[in-house]
PDB file of N, CA and C in Angstrom:
ATOM      1  N   MET A   1      -1.056 -57.403 -30.566  1.00  0.00           N
ATOM      2  CA  MET A   1      -0.104 -58.218 -29.839  1.00  0.00           C
ATOM      3  C   MET A   1       1.227 -57.498 -29.679  1.00  0.00           C
ATOM      4  N   ASN A   2       1.604 -56.668 -30.647  1.00  0.00           N
ATOM      5  CA  ASN A   2       2.877 -55.960 -30.537  1.00  0.00           C
ATOM      6  C   ASN A   2       2.898 -55.004 -29.361  1.00  0.00           C
ATOM      7  N   ILE A   3       1.754 -54.418 -29.037  1.00  0.00           N
ATOM      8  CA  ILE A   3       1.693 -53.498 -27.901  1.00  0.00           C
ATOM      9  C   ILE A   3       1.959 -54.258 -26.609  1.00  0.00           C
ATOM     10  N   ILE A   4       1.361 -55.422 -26.472  1.00  0.00           N
ATOM     11  CA  ILE A   4       1.568 -56.234 -25.265  1.00  0.00           C
ATOM     12  C   ILE A   4       3.004 -56.721 -25.200  1.00  0.00           C
ATOM     13  N   ARG A   5       3.530 -57.196 -26.330  1.00  0.00           N
ATOM     14  CA  ARG A   5       4.908 -57.673 -26.389  1.00  0.00           C
ATOM     15  C   ARG A   5       5.884 -56.555 -26.006  1.00  0.00           C
ATOM     16  N   ASN A   6       5.678 -55.372 -26.571  1.00  0.00           N
ATOM     17  CA  ASN A   6       6.553 -54.239 -26.247  1.00  0.00           C
ATOM     18  C   ASN A   6       6.432 -53.835 -24.783  1.00  0.00           C
ATOM     19  N   PHE A   7       5.235 -53.933 -24.229  1.00  0.00           N
ATOM     20  CA  PHE A   7       5.043 -53.626 -22.814  1.00  0.00           C
ATOM     21  C   PHE A   7       5.882 -54.554 -21.943  1.00  0.00           C
ATOM     22  N   PHE A   8       5.860 -55.860 -22.238  1.00  0.00           N
ATOM     23  CA  PHE A   8       6.631 -56.818 -21.450  1.00  0.00           C
ATOM     24  C   PHE A   8       8.136 -56.611 -21.635  1.00  0.00           C
ATOM     25  N   ILE A   9       8.560 -56.316 -22.856  1.00  0.00           N
ATOM     26  CA  ILE A   9       9.988 -56.062 -23.099  1.00  0.00           C
ATOM     27  C   ILE A   9      10.444 -54.841 -22.330  1.00  0.00           C
ATOM     28  N   LYS A  10       9.682 -53.761 -22.379  1.00  0.00           N
ATOM     29  CA  LYS A  10      10.039 -52.533 -21.648  1.00  0.00           C
ATOM     30  C   LYS A  10       9.999 -52.757 -20.138  1.00  0.00           C
ATOM     31  N   SER A  11       9.060 -53.573 -19.660  1.00  0.00           N
ATOM     32  CA  SER A  11       8.992 -53.882 -18.229  1.00  0.00           C
ATOM     33  C   SER A  11      10.235 -54.646 -17.773  1.00  0.00           C
ATOM     34  N   ILE A  12      10.683 -55.596 -18.560  1.00  0.00           N
ATOM     35  CA  ILE A  12      11.881 -56.356 -18.215  1.00  0.00           C
ATOM     36  C   ILE A  12      13.110 -55.457 -18.261  1.00  0.00           C
ATOM     37  N   GLN A  13      13.182 -54.574 -19.257  1.00  0.00           N
ATOM     38  CA  GLN A  13      14.310 -53.649 -19.333  1.00  0.00           C
ATOM     39  C   GLN A  13      14.310 -52.691 -18.152  1.00  0.00           C
ATOM     40  N   LEU A  14      13.151 -52.247 -17.727  1.00  0.00           N
ATOM     41  CA  LEU A  14      13.047 -51.386 -16.548  1.00  0.00           C
ATOM     42  C   LEU A  14      13.511 -52.135 -15.303  1.00  0.00           C
ATOM     43  N   TYR A  15      13.127 -53.397 -15.184  1.00  0.00           N
ATOM     44  CA  TYR A  15      13.587 -54.235 -14.075  1.00  0.00           C
ATOM     45  C   TYR A  15      15.116 -54.330 -14.073  1.00  0.00           C
ATOM     46  N   LYS A  16      15.697 -54.544 -15.259  1.00  0.00           N
ATOM     47  CA  LYS A  16      17.148 -54.683 -15.352  1.00  0.00           C
ATOM     48  C   LYS A  16      17.873 -53.407 -14.937  1.00  0.00           C
ATOM     49  N   ILE A  17      17.278 -52.254 -15.219  1.00  0.00           N
ATOM     50  CA  ILE A  17      17.922 -50.979 -14.906  1.00  0.00           C
ATOM     51  C   ILE A  17      17.673 -50.549 -13.462  1.00  0.00           C
ATOM     52  N   CYS A  18      16.438 -50.702 -12.978  1.00  0.00           N
ATOM     53  CA  CYS A  18      16.060 -50.138 -11.675  1.00  0.00           C
ATOM     54  C   CYS A  18      16.123 -51.117 -10.506  1.00  0.00           C
ATOM     55  N   ILE A  19      15.740 -52.345 -10.697  1.00  0.00           N
ATOM     56  CA  ILE A  19      15.623 -53.284  -9.578  1.00  0.00           C
ATOM     57  C   ILE A  19      16.813 -54.219  -9.476  1.00  0.00           C
ATOM     58  N   SER A  20      17.256 -54.745 -10.610  1.00  0.00           N
ATOM     59  CA  SER A  20      18.336 -55.737 -10.608  1.00  0.00           C
ATOM     60  C   SER A  20      19.628 -55.244  -9.943  1.00  0.00           C
ATOM     61  N   PRO A  21      20.058 -53.998 -10.147  1.00  0.00           N
ATOM     62  CA  PRO A  21      21.292 -53.560  -9.465  1.00  0.00           C
ATOM     63  C   PRO A  21      21.181 -53.583  -7.938  1.00  0.00           C
ATOM     64  N   TRP A  22      19.988 -53.397  -7.400  1.00  0.00           N
ATOM     65  CA  TRP A  22      19.813 -53.418  -5.953  1.00  0.00           C
ATOM     66  C   TRP A  22      19.846 -54.838  -5.401  1.00  0.00           C
ATOM     67  N   ILE A  23      19.422 -55.801  -6.207  1.00  0.00           N
ATOM     68  CA  ILE A  23      19.407 -57.193  -5.770  1.00  0.00           C
ATOM     69  C   ILE A  23      20.807 -57.786  -5.809  1.00  0.00           C
ATOM     70  N   GLY A  24      21.586 -57.395  -6.804  1.00  0.00           N
ATOM     71  CA  GLY A  24      22.939 -57.915  -6.938  1.00  0.00           C
ATOM     72  C   GLY A  24      23.050 -58.849  -8.128  1.00  0.00           C
ATOM     73  N   ASN A  25      24.274 -59.183  -8.471  1.00  0.00           N
ATOM     74  CA  ASN A  25      24.524 -60.057  -9.610  1.00  0.00           C
ATOM     75  C   ASN A  25      24.465 -61.502  -9.142  1.00  0.00           C
ATOM     76  N   ASN A  26      23.293 -62.081  -9.198  1.00  0.00           N
ATOM     77  CA  ASN A  26      23.080 -63.445  -8.716  1.00  0.00           C
ATOM     78  C   ASN A  26      22.774 -64.425  -9.839  1.00  0.00           C
ATOM     79  N   CYS A  27      23.024 -64.030 -11.056  1.00  0.00           N
ATOM     80  CA  CYS A  27      22.661 -64.873 -12.198  1.00  0.00           C
ATOM     81  C   CYS A  27      23.608 -66.057 -12.309  1.00  0.00           C
ATOM     82  N   ARG A  28      23.027 -67.220 -12.514  1.00  0.00           N
ATOM     83  CA  ARG A  28      23.816 -68.450 -12.663  1.00  0.00           C
ATOM     84  C   ARG A  28      24.106 -68.753 -14.121  1.00  0.00           C
ATOM     85  N   TYR A  29      23.335 -68.168 -15.015  1.00  0.00           N
ATOM     86  CA  TYR A  29      23.461 -68.477 -16.432  1.00  0.00           C
ATOM     87  C   TYR A  29      23.856 -67.249 -17.234  1.00  0.00           C
ATOM     88  N   ILE A  30      24.455 -67.507 -18.375  1.00  0.00           N
ATOM     89  CA  ILE A  30      24.733 -66.476 -19.364  1.00  0.00           C
ATOM     90  C   ILE A  30      24.057 -66.934 -20.636  1.00  0.00           C
ATOM     91  N   PRO A  31      23.185 -66.204 -21.253  1.00  0.00           N
ATOM     92  CA  PRO A  31      22.642 -64.904 -20.887  1.00  0.00           C
ATOM     93  C   PRO A  31      21.706 -64.996 -19.682  1.00  0.00           C
ATOM     94  N   THR A  32      21.465 -63.870 -19.075  1.00  0.00           N
ATOM     95  CA  THR A  32      20.618 -63.839 -17.885  1.00  0.00           C
ATOM     96  C   THR A  32      19.181 -64.223 -18.239  1.00  0.00           C
ATOM     97  N   CYS A  33      18.406 -64.510 -17.225  1.00  0.00           N
ATOM     98  CA  CYS A  33      16.995 -64.873 -17.447  1.00  0.00           C
ATOM     99  C   CYS A  33      16.237 -63.731 -18.127  1.00  0.00           C
ATOM    100  N   SER A  34      16.578 -62.499 -17.791  1.00  0.00           N
ATOM    101  CA  SER A  34      15.925 -61.343 -18.415  1.00  0.00           C
ATOM    102  C   SER A  34      16.228 -61.290 -19.903  1.00  0.00           C
ATOM    103  N   ASP A  35      17.484 -61.455 -20.256  1.00  0.00           N
ATOM    104  CA  ASP A  35      17.863 -61.452 -21.670  1.00  0.00           C
ATOM    105  C   ASP A  35      17.234 -62.621 -22.416  1.00  0.00           C
ATOM    106  N   TYR A  36      17.158 -63.747 -21.757  1.00  0.00           N
ATOM    107  CA  TYR A  36      16.556 -64.951 -22.316  1.00  0.00           C
ATOM    108  C   TYR A  36      15.078 -64.695 -22.640  1.00  0.00           C
ATOM    109  N   MET A  37      14.383 -64.085 -21.710  1.00  0.00           N
ATOM    110  CA  MET A  37      12.959 -63.798 -21.887  1.00  0.00           C
ATOM    111  C   MET A  37      12.744 -62.774 -23.005  1.00  0.00           C
ATOM    112  N   ILE A  38      13.577 -61.743 -23.046  1.00  0.00           N
ATOM    113  CA  ILE A  38      13.464 -60.737 -24.105  1.00  0.00           C
ATOM    114  C   ILE A  38      13.711 -61.371 -25.470  1.00  0.00           C
ATOM    115  N   PHE A  39      14.687 -62.270 -25.554  1.00  0.00           N
ATOM    116  CA  PHE A  39      14.962 -62.966 -26.808  1.00  0.00           C
ATOM    117  C   PHE A  39      13.718 -63.686 -27.313  1.00  0.00           C
ATOM    118  N   PHE A  40      13.070 -64.441 -26.435  1.00  0.00           N
ATOM    119  CA  PHE A  40      11.889 -65.198 -26.857  1.00  0.00           C
ATOM    120  C   PHE A  40      10.687 -64.295 -27.105  1.00  0.00           C
ATOM    121  N   LEU A  41      10.575 -63.178 -26.402  1.00  0.00           N
ATOM    122  CA  LEU A  41       9.480 -62.245 -26.687  1.00  0.00           C
ATOM    123  C   LEU A  41       9.637 -61.653 -28.082  1.00  0.00           C
ATOM    124  N   LYS A  42      10.870 -61.385 -28.485  1.00  0.00           N
ATOM    125  CA  LYS A  42      11.091 -60.819 -29.819  1.00  0.00           C
ATOM    126  C   LYS A  42      10.934 -61.864 -30.915  1.00  0.00           C
ATOM    127  N   LYS A  43      11.240 -63.112 -30.609  1.00  0.00           N
ATOM    128  CA  LYS A  43      11.263 -64.150 -31.635  1.00  0.00           C
ATOM    129  C   LYS A  43       9.954 -64.925 -31.755  1.00  0.00           C
ATOM    130  N   ASP A  44       9.359 -65.295 -30.637  1.00  0.00           N
ATOM    131  CA  ASP A  44       8.185 -66.172 -30.645  1.00  0.00           C
ATOM    132  C   ASP A  44       6.974 -65.459 -30.066  1.00  0.00           C
ATOM    133  N   ASN A  45       5.904 -66.220 -29.896  1.00  0.00           N
ATOM    134  CA  ASN A  45       4.703 -65.628 -29.318  1.00  0.00           C
ATOM    135  C   ASN A  45       4.853 -65.485 -27.797  1.00  0.00           C
ATOM    136  N   ILE A  46       3.945 -64.760 -27.210  1.00  0.00           N
ATOM    137  CA  ILE A  46       4.033 -64.423 -25.789  1.00  0.00           C
ATOM    138  C   ILE A  46       3.934 -65.663 -24.910  1.00  0.00           C
ATOM    139  N   PHE A  47       3.094 -66.605 -25.276  1.00  0.00           N
ATOM    140  CA  PHE A  47       2.908 -67.794 -24.457  1.00  0.00           C
ATOM    141  C   PHE A  47       4.168 -68.652 -24.408  1.00  0.00           C
ATOM    142  N   LYS A  48       4.812 -68.829 -25.549  1.00  0.00           N
ATOM    143  CA  LYS A  48       6.057 -69.593 -25.565  1.00  0.00           C
ATOM    144  C   LYS A  48       7.142 -68.845 -24.802  1.00  0.00           C
ATOM    145  N   ALA A  49       7.173 -67.529 -24.928  1.00  0.00           N
ATOM    146  CA  ALA A  49       8.172 -66.730 -24.214  1.00  0.00           C
ATOM    147  C   ALA A  49       8.011 -66.886 -22.704  1.00  0.00           C
ATOM    148  N   PHE A  50       6.773 -66.832 -22.219  1.00  0.00           N
ATOM    149  CA  PHE A  50       6.550 -67.006 -20.784  1.00  0.00           C
ATOM    150  C   PHE A  50       6.872 -68.426 -20.333  1.00  0.00           C
ATOM    151  N   PHE A  51       6.548 -69.407 -21.152  1.00  0.00           N
ATOM    152  CA  PHE A  51       6.877 -70.787 -20.812  1.00  0.00           C
ATOM    153  C   PHE A  51       8.386 -70.975 -20.723  1.00  0.00           C
ATOM    154  N   MET A  52       9.116 -70.478 -21.717  1.00  0.00           N
ATOM    155  CA  MET A  52      10.567 -70.643 -21.721  1.00  0.00           C
ATOM    156  C   MET A  52      11.215 -69.836 -20.588  1.00  0.00           C
ATOM    157  N   GLY A  53      10.706 -68.642 -20.307  1.00  0.00           N
ATOM    158  CA  GLY A  53      11.231 -67.849 -19.201  1.00  0.00           C
ATOM    159  C   GLY A  53      10.980 -68.509 -17.857  1.00  0.00           C
ATOM    160  N   PHE A  54       9.787 -69.045 -17.674  1.00  0.00           N
ATOM    161  CA  PHE A  54       9.451 -69.737 -16.430  1.00  0.00           C
ATOM    162  C   PHE A  54      10.317 -70.984 -16.256  1.00  0.00           C
ATOM    163  N   LYS A  55      10.494 -71.714 -17.345  1.00  0.00           N
ATOM    164  CA  LYS A  55      11.330 -72.915 -17.314  1.00  0.00           C
ATOM    165  C   LYS A  55      12.763 -72.563 -16.929  1.00  0.00           C
ATOM    166  N   ARG A  56      13.266 -71.467 -17.448  1.00  0.00           N
ATOM    167  CA  ARG A  56      14.633 -71.022 -17.133  1.00  0.00           C
ATOM    168  C   ARG A  56      14.760 -70.617 -15.675  1.00  0.00           C
ATOM    169  N   ILE A  57      13.778 -69.894 -15.150  1.00  0.00           N
ATOM    170  CA  ILE A  57      13.819 -69.465 -13.751  1.00  0.00           C
ATOM    171  C   ILE A  57      13.746 -70.664 -12.819  1.00  0.00           C
ATOM    172  N   ILE A  58      12.966 -71.674 -13.162  1.00  0.00           N
ATOM    173  CA  ILE A  58      12.882 -72.889 -12.360  1.00  0.00           C
ATOM    174  C   ILE A  58      14.234 -73.608 -12.318  1.00  0.00           C
ATOM    175  N   GLN A  59      14.976 -73.581 -13.420  1.00  0.00           N
ATOM    176  CA  GLN A  59      16.293 -74.226 -13.462  1.00  0.00           C
ATOM    177  C   GLN A  59      17.309 -73.511 -12.584  1.00  0.00           C
ATOM    178  N   CYS A  60      17.063 -72.261 -12.284  1.00  0.00           N
ATOM    179  CA  CYS A  60      18.003 -71.457 -11.501  1.00  0.00           C
ATOM    180  C   CYS A  60      17.763 -71.721 -10.017  1.00  0.00           C
ATOM    181  N   ASN A  61      18.390 -72.764  -9.508  1.00  0.00           N
ATOM    182  CA  ASN A  61      18.274 -73.114  -8.105  1.00  0.00           C
ATOM    183  C   ASN A  61      19.634 -73.606  -7.621  1.00  0.00           C
ATOM    184  N   PRO A  62      19.822 -73.735  -6.327  1.00  0.00           N
ATOM    185  CA  PRO A  62      21.146 -74.134  -5.820  1.00  0.00           C
ATOM    186  C   PRO A  62      21.628 -75.485  -6.347  1.00  0.00           C
ATOM    187  N   TRP A  63      20.743 -76.359  -6.746  1.00  0.00           N
ATOM    188  CA  TRP A  63      21.138 -77.682  -7.235  1.00  0.00           C
ATOM    189  C   TRP A  63      21.193 -77.740  -8.748  1.00  0.00           C
ATOM    190  N   GLY A  64      20.880 -76.631  -9.408  1.00  0.00           N
ATOM    191  CA  GLY A  64      20.864 -76.597 -10.865  1.00  0.00           C
ATOM    192  C   GLY A  64      22.241 -76.332 -11.443  1.00  0.00           C
ATOM    193  N   ASN A  65      22.286 -76.304 -12.746  1.00  0.00           N
ATOM    194  CA  ASN A  65      23.534 -76.022 -13.458  1.00  0.00           C
ATOM    195  C   ASN A  65      23.790 -74.544 -13.490  1.00  0.00           C
ATOM    196  N   SER A  66      24.911 -74.171 -14.092  1.00  0.00           N
ATOM    197  CA  SER A  66      25.234 -72.784 -14.313  1.00  0.00           C
ATOM    198  C   SER A  66      26.128 -72.709 -15.547  1.00  0.00           C
ATOM    199  N   GLY A  67      26.395 -71.512 -16.009  1.00  0.00           N
ATOM    200  CA  GLY A  67      27.272 -71.317 -17.164  1.00  0.00           C
ATOM    201  C   GLY A  67      26.524 -70.818 -18.378  1.00  0.00           C
ATOM    202  N   PHE A  68      27.136 -71.061 -19.541  1.00  0.00           N
ATOM    203  CA  PHE A  68      26.574 -70.591 -20.794  1.00  0.00           C
ATOM    204  C   PHE A  68      25.423 -71.492 -21.211  1.00  0.00           C
ATOM    205  N   ASP A  69      24.246 -70.893 -21.413  1.00  0.00           N
ATOM    206  CA  ASP A  69      23.047 -71.626 -21.801  1.00  0.00           C
ATOM    207  C   ASP A  69      22.292 -70.786 -22.824  1.00  0.00           C
ATOM    208  N   PRO A  70      22.647 -70.922 -24.102  1.00  0.00           N
ATOM    209  CA  PRO A  70      22.002 -70.077 -25.118  1.00  0.00           C
ATOM    210  C   PRO A  70      20.554 -70.471 -25.345  1.00  0.00           C
ATOM    211  N   PRO A  71      19.719 -69.528 -25.758  1.00  0.00           N
ATOM    212  CA  PRO A  71      18.320 -69.860 -26.058  1.00  0.00           C
ATOM    213  C   PRO A  71      18.247 -70.736 -27.300  1.00  0.00           C
ATOM    214  N   ILE A  72      17.610 -71.873 -27.175  1.00  0.00           N
ATOM    215  CA  ILE A  72      17.448 -72.803 -28.283  1.00  0.00           C
ATOM    216  C   ILE A  72      15.965 -72.883 -28.605  1.00  0.00           C
ATOM    217  N   THR A  73      15.643 -72.660 -29.860  1.00  0.00           N
ATOM    218  CA  THR A  73      14.231 -72.679 -30.251  1.00  0.00           C
ATOM    219  C   THR A  73      13.810 -74.030 -30.752  1.00  0.00           C
TER     220      THR A  73
END
């Protein structure tokens, strides 16, 4: 499981370095969805991390909130 977890963490970090700067700073929350997902990948199992990351991305819409939203376990 650690190999898969590390693969997803490295993939998200690669996204943050290579793709995110081209898209622009469009994050509504602090920490960003990428940081949020990495936090849960390091702390919990992969399924919970994907659920929490998906839930966070769904909240990021024009009618949603914004600001500081720390990961709560």
